PDB file of N, CA and C in Angstrom:
ATOM      1  N   MET A   1       0.850  -1.179   0.000  1.00  0.00           N
ATOM      2  CA  MET A   1       0.000   0.000   0.000  1.00  0.00           C
ATOM      3  C   MET A   1       0.894   1.241   0.000  1.00  0.00           C
ATOM      4  N   SER A   2       0.364   2.315  -0.518  1.00  0.00           N
ATOM      5  CA  SER A   2       1.187   3.509  -0.672  1.00  0.00           C
ATOM      6  C   SER A   2       0.588   4.723   0.034  1.00  0.00           C
ATOM      7  N   TYR A   3       1.444   5.737   0.149  1.00  0.00           N
ATOM      8  CA  TYR A   3       1.029   7.040   0.656  1.00  0.00           C
ATOM      9  C   TYR A   3       1.670   8.090  -0.226  1.00  0.00           C
ATOM     10  N   CYS A   4       1.188   9.311  -0.147  1.00  0.00           N
ATOM     11  CA  CYS A   4       1.722  10.409  -0.950  1.00  0.00           C
ATOM     12  C   CYS A   4       2.339  11.467  -0.054  1.00  0.00           C
ATOM     13  N   ILE A   5       3.378  12.078  -0.574  1.00  0.00           N
ATOM     14  CA  ILE A   5       3.962  13.265   0.044  1.00  0.00           C
ATOM     15  C   ILE A   5       3.633  14.432  -0.875  1.00  0.00           C
ATOM     16  N   LEU A   6       3.009  15.468  -0.317  1.00  0.00           N
ATOM     17  CA  LEU A   6       2.707  16.687  -1.066  1.00  0.00           C
ATOM     18  C   LEU A   6       3.612  17.782  -0.507  1.00  0.00           C
ATOM     19  N   THR A   7       4.428  18.380  -1.367  1.00  0.00           N
ATOM     20  CA  THR A   7       5.384  19.382  -0.905  1.00  0.00           C
ATOM     21  C   THR A   7       4.871  20.793  -1.162  1.00  0.00           C
ATOM     22  N   VAL A   8       5.453  21.751  -0.456  1.00  0.00           N
ATOM     23  CA  VAL A   8       5.016  23.139  -0.596  1.00  0.00           C
ATOM     24  C   VAL A   8       5.342  23.711  -1.974  1.00  0.00           C
ATOM     25  N   ASP A   9       6.279  23.097  -2.689  1.00  0.00           N
ATOM     26  CA  ASP A   9       6.596  23.586  -4.032  1.00  0.00           C
ATOM     27  C   ASP A   9       5.812  22.852  -5.121  1.00  0.00           C
ATOM     28  N   GLY A  10       4.760  22.110  -4.703  1.00  0.00           N
ATOM     29  CA  GLY A  10       3.844  21.504  -5.669  1.00  0.00           C
ATOM     30  C   GLY A  10       4.237  20.140  -6.185  1.00  0.00           C
ATOM     31  N   ARG A  11       5.281  19.552  -5.628  1.00  0.00           N
ATOM     32  CA  ARG A  11       5.663  18.208  -6.059  1.00  0.00           C
ATOM     33  C   ARG A  11       4.870  17.166  -5.277  1.00  0.00           C
ATOM     34  N   MET A  12       4.752  15.986  -5.896  1.00  0.00           N
ATOM     35  CA  MET A  12       4.034  14.875  -5.280  1.00  0.00           C
ATOM     36  C   MET A  12       4.867  13.619  -5.452  1.00  0.00           C
ATOM     37  N   TYR A  13       5.068  12.905  -4.362  1.00  0.00           N
ATOM     38  CA  TYR A  13       5.800  11.642  -4.387  1.00  0.00           C
ATOM     39  C   TYR A  13       4.905  10.556  -3.831  1.00  0.00           C
ATOM     40  N   THR A  14       4.994   9.380  -4.403  1.00  0.00           N
ATOM     41  CA  THR A  14       4.280   8.229  -3.870  1.00  0.00           C
ATOM     42  C   THR A  14       5.313   7.266  -3.301  1.00  0.00           C
ATOM     43  N   LYS A  15       5.081   6.816  -2.073  1.00  0.00           N
ATOM     44  CA  LYS A  15       5.987   5.879  -1.406  1.00  0.00           C
ATOM     45  C   LYS A  15       5.175   4.723  -0.849  1.00  0.00           C
ATOM     46  N   LEU A  16       5.883   3.663  -0.478  1.00  0.00           N
ATOM     47  CA  LEU A  16       5.225   2.476   0.051  1.00  0.00           C
ATOM     48  C   LEU A  16       5.297   2.435   1.570  1.00  0.00           C
ATOM     49  N   LEU A  17       4.204   1.964   2.190  1.00  0.00           N
ATOM     50  CA  LEU A  17       4.185   1.709   3.629  1.00  0.00           C
ATOM     51  C   LEU A  17       4.931   0.410   3.893  1.00  0.00           C
ATOM     52  N   PRO A  18       5.431   0.175   5.079  1.00  0.00           N
ATOM     53  CA  PRO A  18       5.365   1.056   6.245  1.00  0.00           C
ATOM     54  C   PRO A  18       6.486   2.090   6.220  1.00  0.00           C
ATOM     55  N   ALA A  19       6.302   3.121   6.992  1.00  0.00           N
ATOM     56  CA  ALA A  19       7.322   4.154   7.157  1.00  0.00           C
ATOM     57  C   ALA A  19       7.482   4.409   8.653  1.00  0.00           C
ATOM     58  N   PRO A  20       8.720   4.455   9.145  1.00  0.00           N
ATOM     59  CA  PRO A  20       8.916   4.717  10.568  1.00  0.00           C
ATOM     60  C   PRO A  20       8.441   6.125  10.948  1.00  0.00           C
ATOM     61  N   VAL A  21       8.007   6.280  12.182  1.00  0.00           N
ATOM     62  CA  VAL A  21       7.525   7.578  12.669  1.00  0.00           C
ATOM     63  C   VAL A  21       8.595   8.653  12.487  1.00  0.00           C
ATOM     64  N   GLN A  22       9.848   8.320  12.736  1.00  0.00           N
ATOM     65  CA  GLN A  22      10.924   9.296  12.593  1.00  0.00           C
ATOM     66  C   GLN A  22      11.022   9.808  11.156  1.00  0.00           C
ATOM     67  N   GLU A  23      10.808   8.942  10.196  1.00  0.00           N
ATOM     68  CA  GLU A  23      10.840   9.349   8.790  1.00  0.00           C
ATOM     69  C   GLU A  23       9.677  10.288   8.483  1.00  0.00           C
ATOM     70  N   MET A  24       8.498   9.985   9.007  1.00  0.00           N
ATOM     71  CA  MET A  24       7.345  10.849   8.772  1.00  0.00           C
ATOM     72  C   MET A  24       7.532  12.200   9.444  1.00  0.00           C
ATOM     73  N   GLN A  25       8.105  12.224  10.637  1.00  0.00           N
ATOM     74  CA  GLN A  25       8.381  13.500  11.301  1.00  0.00           C
ATOM     75  C   GLN A  25       9.403  14.313  10.512  1.00  0.00           C
ATOM     76  N   ARG A  26      10.372  13.639   9.920  1.00  0.00           N
ATOM     77  CA  ARG A  26      11.354  14.336   9.088  1.00  0.00           C
ATOM     78  C   ARG A  26      10.668  14.964   7.870  1.00  0.00           C
ATOM     79  N   ILE A  27       9.754  14.237   7.270  1.00  0.00           N
ATOM     80  CA  ILE A  27       9.049  14.736   6.084  1.00  0.00           C
ATOM     81  C   ILE A  27       8.236  15.981   6.417  1.00  0.00           C
ATOM     82  N   VAL A  28       7.478  15.937   7.517  1.00  0.00           N
ATOM     83  CA  VAL A  28       6.613  17.077   7.863  1.00  0.00           C
ATOM     84  C   VAL A  28       7.353  18.164   8.634  1.00  0.00           C
ATOM     85  N   GLY A  29       8.569  17.872   9.062  1.00  0.00           N
ATOM     86  CA  GLY A  29       9.379  18.885   9.722  1.00  0.00           C
ATOM     87  C   GLY A  29       9.124  19.073  11.198  1.00  0.00           C
ATOM     88  N   GLY A  30       8.622  18.046  11.876  1.00  0.00           N
ATOM     89  CA  GLY A  30       8.378  18.157  13.314  1.00  0.00           C
ATOM     90  C   GLY A  30       7.359  17.147  13.787  1.00  0.00           C
ATOM     91  N   TYR A  31       6.773  17.450  14.942  1.00  0.00           N
ATOM     92  CA  TYR A  31       5.748  16.562  15.481  1.00  0.00           C
ATOM     93  C   TYR A  31       4.532  16.534  14.571  1.00  0.00           C
ATOM     94  N   ILE A  32       3.858  15.394  14.567  1.00  0.00           N
ATOM     95  CA  ILE A  32       2.778  15.155  13.606  1.00  0.00           C
ATOM     96  C   ILE A  32       1.418  15.555  14.159  1.00  0.00           C
ATOM     97  N   GLU A  33       0.679  16.281  13.329  1.00  0.00           N
ATOM     98  CA  GLU A  33      -0.746  16.548  13.576  1.00  0.00           C
ATOM     99  C   GLU A  33      -1.532  15.671  12.616  1.00  0.00           C
ATOM    100  N   VAL A  34      -2.522  14.953  13.138  1.00  0.00           N
ATOM    101  CA  VAL A  34      -3.368  14.096  12.311  1.00  0.00           C
ATOM    102  C   VAL A  34      -4.604  14.895  11.905  1.00  0.00           C
ATOM    103  N   ILE A  35      -4.840  14.992  10.591  1.00  0.00           N
ATOM    104  CA  ILE A  35      -6.027  15.672  10.073  1.00  0.00           C
ATOM    105  C   ILE A  35      -6.843  14.610   9.338  1.00  0.00           C
ATOM    106  N   ARG A  36      -7.882  14.138   9.981  1.00  0.00           N
ATOM    107  CA  ARG A  36      -8.716  13.066   9.408  1.00  0.00           C
ATOM    108  C   ARG A  36      -9.780  13.695   8.515  1.00  0.00           C
ATOM    109  N   LEU A  37      -9.685  13.441   7.218  1.00  0.00           N
ATOM    110  CA  LEU A  37     -10.656  14.005   6.276  1.00  0.00           C
ATOM    111  C   LEU A  37     -11.837  13.076   6.060  1.00  0.00           C
ATOM    112  N   LEU A  38     -11.546  11.822   5.825  1.00  0.00           N
ATOM    113  CA  LEU A  38     -12.563  10.791   5.605  1.00  0.00           C
ATOM    114  C   LEU A  38     -12.084   9.511   6.277  1.00  0.00           C
ATOM    115  N   GLU A  39     -12.934   8.539   6.352  1.00  0.00           N
ATOM    116  CA  GLU A  39     -12.554   7.245   6.925  1.00  0.00           C
ATOM    117  C   GLU A  39     -11.292   6.699   6.266  1.00  0.00           C
ATOM    118  N   ASP A  40     -11.150   6.939   4.965  1.00  0.00           N
ATOM    119  CA  ASP A  40     -10.017   6.386   4.225  1.00  0.00           C
ATOM    120  C   ASP A  40      -9.106   7.458   3.623  1.00  0.00           C
ATOM    121  N   LEU A  41      -9.062   8.625   4.260  1.00  0.00           N
ATOM    122  CA  LEU A  41      -8.202   9.704   3.765  1.00  0.00           C
ATOM    123  C   LEU A  41      -7.763  10.585   4.938  1.00  0.00           C
ATOM    124  N   THR A  42      -6.464  10.583   5.187  1.00  0.00           N
ATOM    125  CA  THR A  42      -5.902  11.276   6.340  1.00  0.00           C
ATOM    126  C   THR A  42      -4.648  12.031   5.923  1.00  0.00           C
ATOM    127  N   ILE A  43      -4.426  13.180   6.561  1.00  0.00           N
ATOM    128  CA  ILE A  43      -3.221  13.978   6.318  1.00  0.00           C
ATOM    129  C   ILE A  43      -2.394  14.015   7.601  1.00  0.00           C
ATOM    130  N   TYR A  44      -1.088  13.827   7.457  1.00  0.00           N
ATOM    131  CA  TYR A  44      -0.135  14.119   8.524  1.00  0.00           C
ATOM    132  C   TYR A  44       0.525  15.442   8.170  1.00  0.00           C
ATOM    133  N   ALA A  45       0.469  16.403   9.085  1.00  0.00           N
ATOM    134  CA  ALA A  45       1.104  17.703   8.887  1.00  0.00           C
ATOM    135  C   ALA A  45       1.924  18.030  10.130  1.00  0.00           C
ATOM    136  N   ASN A  46       2.712  19.081  10.058  1.00  0.00           N
ATOM    137  CA  ASN A  46       3.487  19.542  11.211  1.00  0.00           C
ATOM    138  C   ASN A  46       2.538  20.269  12.152  1.00  0.00           C
ATOM    139  N   GLU A  47       2.446  19.788  13.401  1.00  0.00           N
ATOM    140  CA  GLU A  47       1.493  20.381  14.336  1.00  0.00           C
ATOM    141  C   GLU A  47       1.830  21.828  14.684  1.00  0.00           C
ATOM    142  N   SER A  48       3.065  22.259  14.483  1.00  0.00           N
ATOM    143  CA  SER A  48       3.472  23.636  14.774  1.00  0.00           C
ATOM    144  C   SER A  48       3.768  24.426  13.503  1.00  0.00           C
ATOM    145  N   GLY A  49       3.337  23.900  12.369  1.00  0.00           N
ATOM    146  CA  GLY A  49       3.681  24.506  11.094  1.00  0.00           C
ATOM    147  C   GLY A  49       3.374  25.987  10.989  1.00  0.00           C
ATOM    148  N   LYS A  50       2.187  26.389  11.398  1.00  0.00           N
ATOM    149  CA  LYS A  50       1.823  27.809  11.312  1.00  0.00           C
ATOM    150  C   LYS A  50       2.626  28.650  12.294  1.00  0.00           C
ATOM    151  N   LEU A  51       2.904  28.097  13.468  1.00  0.00           N
ATOM    152  CA  LEU A  51       3.662  28.836  14.475  1.00  0.00           C
ATOM    153  C   LEU A  51       5.097  29.108  14.042  1.00  0.00           C
ATOM    154  N   ILE A  52       5.680  28.170  13.301  1.00  0.00           N
ATOM    155  CA  ILE A  52       7.066  28.344  12.870  1.00  0.00           C
ATOM    156  C   ILE A  52       7.176  29.008  11.499  1.00  0.00           C
ATOM    157  N   GLY A  53       6.019  29.376  10.922  1.00  0.00           N
ATOM    158  CA  GLY A  53       6.018  30.098   9.652  1.00  0.00           C
ATOM    159  C   GLY A  53       6.229  29.240   8.423  1.00  0.00           C
ATOM    160  N   ALA A  54       5.812  27.984   8.482  1.00  0.00           N
ATOM    161  CA  ALA A  54       5.929  27.117   7.304  1.00  0.00           C
ATOM    162  C   ALA A  54       5.079  27.684   6.170  1.00  0.00           C
ATOM    163  N   PRO A  55       5.566  27.584   4.942  1.00  0.00           N
ATOM    164  CA  PRO A  55       4.808  28.116   3.804  1.00  0.00           C
ATOM    165  C   PRO A  55       3.556  27.297   3.506  1.00  0.00           C
ATOM    166  N   PRO A  56       2.562  27.923   2.893  1.00  0.00           N
ATOM    167  CA  PRO A  56       1.337  27.207   2.531  1.00  0.00           C
ATOM    168  C   PRO A  56       1.618  26.055   1.562  1.00  0.00           C
ATOM    169  N   ASN A  57       0.839  25.008   1.685  1.00  0.00           N
ATOM    170  CA  ASN A  57       0.914  23.871   0.783  1.00  0.00           C
ATOM    171  C   ASN A  57      -0.357  23.896  -0.056  1.00  0.00           C
ATOM    172  N   ARG A  58      -0.223  24.371  -1.277  1.00  0.00           N
ATOM    173  CA  ARG A  58      -1.396  24.576  -2.135  1.00  0.00           C
ATOM    174  C   ARG A  58      -2.157  23.285  -2.401  1.00  0.00           C
ATOM    175  N   LEU A  59      -1.434  22.202  -2.735  1.00  0.00           N
ATOM    176  CA  LEU A  59      -2.111  20.938  -3.034  1.00  0.00           C
ATOM    177  C   LEU A  59      -2.863  20.400  -1.821  1.00  0.00           C
ATOM    178  N   ALA A  60      -2.219  20.414  -0.663  1.00  0.00           N
ATOM    179  CA  ALA A  60      -2.864  19.908   0.556  1.00  0.00           C
ATOM    180  C   ALA A  60      -4.053  20.779   0.949  1.00  0.00           C
ATOM    181  N   THR A  61      -3.933  22.086   0.739  1.00  0.00           N
ATOM    182  CA  THR A  61      -5.031  22.994   1.061  1.00  0.00           C
ATOM    183  C   THR A  61      -6.226  22.747   0.149  1.00  0.00           C
ATOM    184  N   ILE A  62      -5.978  22.548  -1.137  1.00  0.00           N
ATOM    185  CA  ILE A  62      -7.071  22.241  -2.073  1.00  0.00           C
ATOM    186  C   ILE A  62      -7.769  20.949  -1.656  1.00  0.00           C
ATOM    187  N   LEU A  63      -6.986  19.923  -1.354  1.00  0.00           N
ATOM    188  CA  LEU A  63      -7.555  18.645  -0.914  1.00  0.00           C
ATOM    189  C   LEU A  63      -8.403  18.843   0.335  1.00  0.00           C
ATOM    190  N   TYR A  64      -7.860  19.534   1.317  1.00  0.00           N
ATOM    191  CA  TYR A  64      -8.581  19.763   2.572  1.00  0.00           C
ATOM    192  C   TYR A  64      -9.882  20.523   2.326  1.00  0.00           C
ATOM    193  N   ARG A  65      -9.817  21.614   1.586  1.00  0.00           N
ATOM    194  CA  ARG A  65     -11.003  22.451   1.375  1.00  0.00           C
ATOM    195  C   ARG A  65     -12.094  21.736   0.595  1.00  0.00           C
ATOM    196  N   ARG A  66     -11.702  20.915  -0.364  1.00  0.00           N
ATOM    197  CA  ARG A  66     -12.709  20.179  -1.145  1.00  0.00           C
ATOM    198  C   ARG A  66     -13.490  19.190  -0.287  1.00  0.00           C
ATOM    199  N   ILE A  67     -12.839  18.648   0.719  1.00  0.00           N
ATOM    200  CA  ILE A  67     -13.504  17.643   1.543  1.00  0.00           C
ATOM    201  C   ILE A  67     -14.102  18.251   2.805  1.00  0.00           C
ATOM    202  N   ALA A  68     -13.324  19.073   3.509  1.00  0.00           N
ATOM    203  CA  ALA A  68     -13.777  19.631   4.787  1.00  0.00           C
ATOM    204  C   ALA A  68     -14.732  20.801   4.601  1.00  0.00           C
ATOM    205  N   GLY A  69     -14.590  21.507   3.482  1.00  0.00           N
ATOM    206  CA  GLY A  69     -15.508  22.602   3.193  1.00  0.00           C
ATOM    207  C   GLY A  69     -15.267  23.878   3.974  1.00  0.00           C
ATOM    208  N   ASP A  70     -14.097  24.025   4.585  1.00  0.00           N
ATOM    209  CA  ASP A  70     -13.817  25.305   5.240  1.00  0.00           C
ATOM    210  C   ASP A  70     -12.544  25.919   4.650  1.00  0.00           C
ATOM    211  N   GLU A  71     -12.134  27.047   5.167  1.00  0.00           N
ATOM    212  CA  GLU A  71     -11.069  27.830   4.560  1.00  0.00           C
ATOM    213  C   GLU A  71      -9.691  27.642   5.198  1.00  0.00           C
ATOM    214  N   LYS A  72      -9.512  26.605   5.982  1.00  0.00           N
ATOM    215  CA  LYS A  72      -8.224  26.343   6.615  1.00  0.00           C
ATOM    216  C   LYS A  72      -7.126  26.234   5.562  1.00  0.00           C
ATOM    217  N   ILE A  73      -5.957  26.748   5.893  1.00  0.00           N
ATOM    218  CA  ILE A  73      -4.788  26.637   5.021  1.00  0.00           C
ATOM    219  C   ILE A  73      -3.847  25.615   5.643  1.00  0.00           C
ATOM    220  N   ILE A  74      -3.461  24.624   4.856  1.00  0.00           N
ATOM    221  CA  ILE A  74      -2.508  23.613   5.299  1.00  0.00           C
ATOM    222  C   ILE A  74      -1.111  24.104   4.926  1.00  0.00           C
ATOM    223  N   VAL A  75      -0.181  24.008   5.868  1.00  0.00           N
ATOM    224  CA  VAL A  75       1.174  24.509   5.629  1.00  0.00           C
ATOM    225  C   VAL A  75       2.191  23.381   5.728  1.00  0.00           C
ATOM    226  N   GLY A  76       3.325  23.601   5.072  1.00  0.00           N
ATOM    227  CA  GLY A  76       4.423  22.646   5.126  1.00  0.00           C
ATOM    228  C   GLY A  76       4.181  21.416   4.277  1.00  0.00           C
ATOM    229  N   ASP A  77       5.220  20.606   4.143  1.00  0.00           N
ATOM    230  CA  ASP A  77       5.097  19.334   3.446  1.00  0.00           C
ATOM    231  C   ASP A  77       4.213  18.408   4.272  1.00  0.00           C
ATOM    232  N   VAL A  78       3.386  17.621   3.604  1.00  0.00           N
ATOM    233  CA  VAL A  78       2.451  16.732   4.299  1.00  0.00           C
ATOM    234  C   VAL A  78       2.511  15.323   3.723  1.00  0.00           C
ATOM    235  N   ILE A  79       1.960  14.402   4.489  1.00  0.00           N
ATOM    236  CA  ILE A  79       1.807  13.013   4.068  1.00  0.00           C
ATOM    237  C   ILE A  79       0.310  12.731   3.986  1.00  0.00           C
ATOM    238  N   VAL A  80      -0.121  12.118   2.896  1.00  0.00           N
ATOM    239  CA  VAL A  80      -1.528  11.750   2.719  1.00  0.00           C
ATOM    240  C   VAL A  80      -1.603  10.226   2.635  1.00  0.00           C
ATOM    241  N   PHE A  81      -2.444   9.639   3.471  1.00  0.00           N
ATOM    242  CA  PHE A  81      -2.576   8.189   3.483  1.00  0.00           C
ATOM    243  C   PHE A  81      -4.020   7.814   3.778  1.00  0.00           C
ATOM    244  N   GLY A  82      -4.289   6.514   3.855  1.00  0.00           N
ATOM    245  CA  GLY A  82      -5.656   6.039   3.950  1.00  0.00           C
ATOM    246  C   GLY A  82      -6.328   6.172   5.298  1.00  0.00           C
ATOM    247  N   GLY A  83      -5.652   5.903   6.355  1.00  0.00           N
ATOM    248  CA  GLY A  83      -6.272   5.930   7.677  1.00  0.00           C
ATOM    249  C   GLY A  83      -5.534   4.993   8.596  1.00  0.00           C
ATOM    250  N   PHE A  84      -6.278   4.378   9.524  1.00  0.00           N
ATOM    251  CA  PHE A  84      -5.666   3.515  10.527  1.00  0.00           C
ATOM    252  C   PHE A  84      -6.448   2.222  10.692  1.00  0.00           C
ATOM    253  N   THR A  85      -5.718   1.154  11.034  1.00  0.00           N
ATOM    254  CA  THR A  85      -6.373  -0.095  11.418  1.00  0.00           C
ATOM    255  C   THR A  85      -6.874   0.050  12.853  1.00  0.00           C
ATOM    256  N   ASP A  86      -7.601  -0.935  13.323  1.00  0.00           N
ATOM    257  CA  ASP A  86      -8.058  -0.931  14.715  1.00  0.00           C
ATOM    258  C   ASP A  86      -6.886  -0.949  15.697  1.00  0.00           C
ATOM    259  N   ASP A  87      -5.742  -1.443  15.238  1.00  0.00           N
ATOM    260  CA  ASP A  87      -4.543  -1.497  16.081  1.00  0.00           C
ATOM    261  C   ASP A  87      -3.709  -0.223  15.990  1.00  0.00           C
ATOM    262  N   GLY A  88      -4.157   0.739  15.171  1.00  0.00           N
ATOM    263  CA  GLY A  88      -3.440   2.009  15.053  1.00  0.00           C
ATOM    264  C   GLY A  88      -2.372   2.053  13.982  1.00  0.00           C
ATOM    265  N   ASP A  89      -2.255   0.997  13.180  1.00  0.00           N
ATOM    266  CA  ASP A  89      -1.291   1.002  12.087  1.00  0.00           C
ATOM    267  C   ASP A  89      -1.837   1.792  10.894  1.00  0.00           C
ATOM    268  N   MET A  90      -0.921   2.425  10.156  1.00  0.00           N
ATOM    269  CA  MET A  90      -1.339   3.184   8.976  1.00  0.00           C
ATOM    270  C   MET A  90      -1.845   2.252   7.884  1.00  0.00           C
ATOM    271  N   ILE A  91      -2.851   2.736   7.156  1.00  0.00           N
ATOM    272  CA  ILE A  91      -3.371   2.043   5.977  1.00  0.00           C
ATOM    273  C   ILE A  91      -3.031   2.914   4.775  1.00  0.00           C
ATOM    274  N   GLY A  92      -2.548   2.286   3.727  1.00  0.00           N
ATOM    275  CA  GLY A  92      -2.216   3.023   2.518  1.00  0.00           C
ATOM    276  C   GLY A  92      -3.453   3.544   1.805  1.00  0.00           C
ATOM    277  N   LEU A  93      -3.215   4.380   0.835  1.00  0.00           N
ATOM    278  CA  LEU A  93      -4.301   4.920   0.012  1.00  0.00           C
ATOM    279  C   LEU A  93      -4.846   3.839  -0.913  1.00  0.00           C
ATOM    280  N   SER A  94      -6.160   3.756  -1.027  1.00  0.00           N
ATOM    281  CA  SER A  94      -6.753   2.860  -2.014  1.00  0.00           C
ATOM    282  C   SER A  94      -6.422   3.405  -3.403  1.00  0.00           C
ATOM    283  N   ALA A  95      -6.558   2.574  -4.412  1.00  0.00           N
ATOM    284  CA  ALA A  95      -6.283   3.014  -5.782  1.00  0.00           C
ATOM    285  C   ALA A  95      -7.154   4.218  -6.152  1.00  0.00           C
ATOM    286  N   LYS A  96      -8.412   4.200  -5.704  1.00  0.00           N
ATOM    287  CA  LYS A  96      -9.344   5.299  -5.991  1.00  0.00           C
ATOM    288  C   LYS A  96      -8.874   6.594  -5.324  1.00  0.00           C
ATOM    289  N   ARG A  97      -8.497   6.516  -4.048  1.00  0.00           N
ATOM    290  CA  ARG A  97      -8.036   7.719  -3.338  1.00  0.00           C
ATOM    291  C   ARG A  97      -6.703   8.213  -3.892  1.00  0.00           C
ATOM    292  N   LEU A  98      -5.818   7.294  -4.221  1.00  0.00           N
ATOM    293  CA  LEU A  98      -4.535   7.686  -4.801  1.00  0.00           C
ATOM    294  C   LEU A  98      -4.756   8.436  -6.112  1.00  0.00           C
ATOM    295  N   ALA A  99      -5.664   7.946  -6.941  1.00  0.00           N
ATOM    296  CA  ALA A  99      -5.967   8.617  -8.207  1.00  0.00           C
ATOM    297  C   ALA A  99      -6.546  10.010  -7.964  1.00  0.00           C
ATOM    298  N   SER A 100      -7.397  10.144  -6.955  1.00  0.00           N
ATOM    299  CA  SER A 100      -7.994  11.464  -6.683  1.00  0.00           C
ATOM    300  C   SER A 100      -6.946  12.438  -6.158  1.00  0.00           C
ATOM    301  N   VAL A 101      -5.998  11.966  -5.363  1.00  0.00           N
ATOM    302  CA  VAL A 101      -4.920  12.837  -4.888  1.00  0.00           C
ATOM    303  C   VAL A 101      -4.021  13.227  -6.058  1.00  0.00           C
ATOM    304  N   GLN A 102      -3.733  12.290  -6.951  1.00  0.00           N
ATOM    305  CA  GLN A 102      -2.882  12.589  -8.100  1.00  0.00           C
ATOM    306  C   GLN A 102      -3.529  13.607  -9.039  1.00  0.00           C
ATOM    307  N   LEU A 103      -4.859  13.663  -9.067  1.00  0.00           N
ATOM    308  CA  LEU A 103      -5.548  14.664  -9.891  1.00  0.00           C
ATOM    309  C   LEU A 103      -5.256  16.095  -9.432  1.00  0.00           C
ATOM    310  N   LEU A 104      -4.820  16.248  -8.181  1.00  0.00           N
ATOM    311  CA  LEU A 104      -4.472  17.582  -7.683  1.00  0.00           C
ATOM    312  C   LEU A 104      -3.365  18.220  -8.509  1.00  0.00           C
ATOM    313  N   GLN A 105      -2.516  17.408  -9.104  1.00  0.00           N
ATOM    314  CA  GLN A 105      -1.448  17.939  -9.956  1.00  0.00           C
ATOM    315  C   GLN A 105      -2.045  18.744 -11.116  1.00  0.00           C
ATOM    316  N   GLU A 106      -3.152  18.267 -11.671  1.00  0.00           N
ATOM    317  CA  GLU A 106      -3.807  18.980 -12.761  1.00  0.00           C
ATOM    318  C   GLU A 106      -4.419  20.283 -12.276  1.00  0.00           C
ATOM    319  N   VAL A 107      -5.018  20.276 -11.098  1.00  0.00           N
ATOM    320  CA  VAL A 107      -5.621  21.481 -10.517  1.00  0.00           C
ATOM    321  C   VAL A 107      -4.544  22.516 -10.256  1.00  0.00           C
ATOM    322  N   LYS A 108      -3.386  22.074  -9.775  1.00  0.00           N
ATOM    323  CA  LYS A 108      -2.286  22.970  -9.444  1.00  0.00           C
ATOM    324  C   LYS A 108      -1.841  23.778 -10.658  1.00  0.00           C
ATOM    325  N   SER A 109      -1.869  23.160 -11.821  1.00  0.00           N
ATOM    326  CA  SER A 109      -1.356  23.837 -13.004  1.00  0.00           C
ATOM    327  C   SER A 109      -2.358  24.838 -13.592  1.00  0.00           C
ATOM    328  N   LYS A 110      -3.565  24.880 -13.075  1.00  0.00           N
ATOM    329  CA  LYS A 110      -4.579  25.812 -13.594  1.00  0.00           C
ATOM    330  C   LYS A 110      -4.544  27.132 -12.870  1.00  0.00           C
TER     331      LYS A 110
END
């Protein structure tokens, strides 16, 4: 199963689970904030991103606003994945969710 990294400069990377917590903290630049969008769609972001002045993440913000319906701005590099098992392990993105996240690349260029 896979997850996506959305960067503040508009790049998108797909990686395979599992990933150690330390690696995910390195990606987001600090302690992790869990932003649960749907049962099968979750964002990991830096919990102090706004406080430390992290730049806006356009792709993550578009994803968040389309689902959550509010005007929150997501900052810093983020990880997008499917959710959690009952034991708390990460679940990768389904093929459908991965395709919908990848469509953000097209939105970004408009």
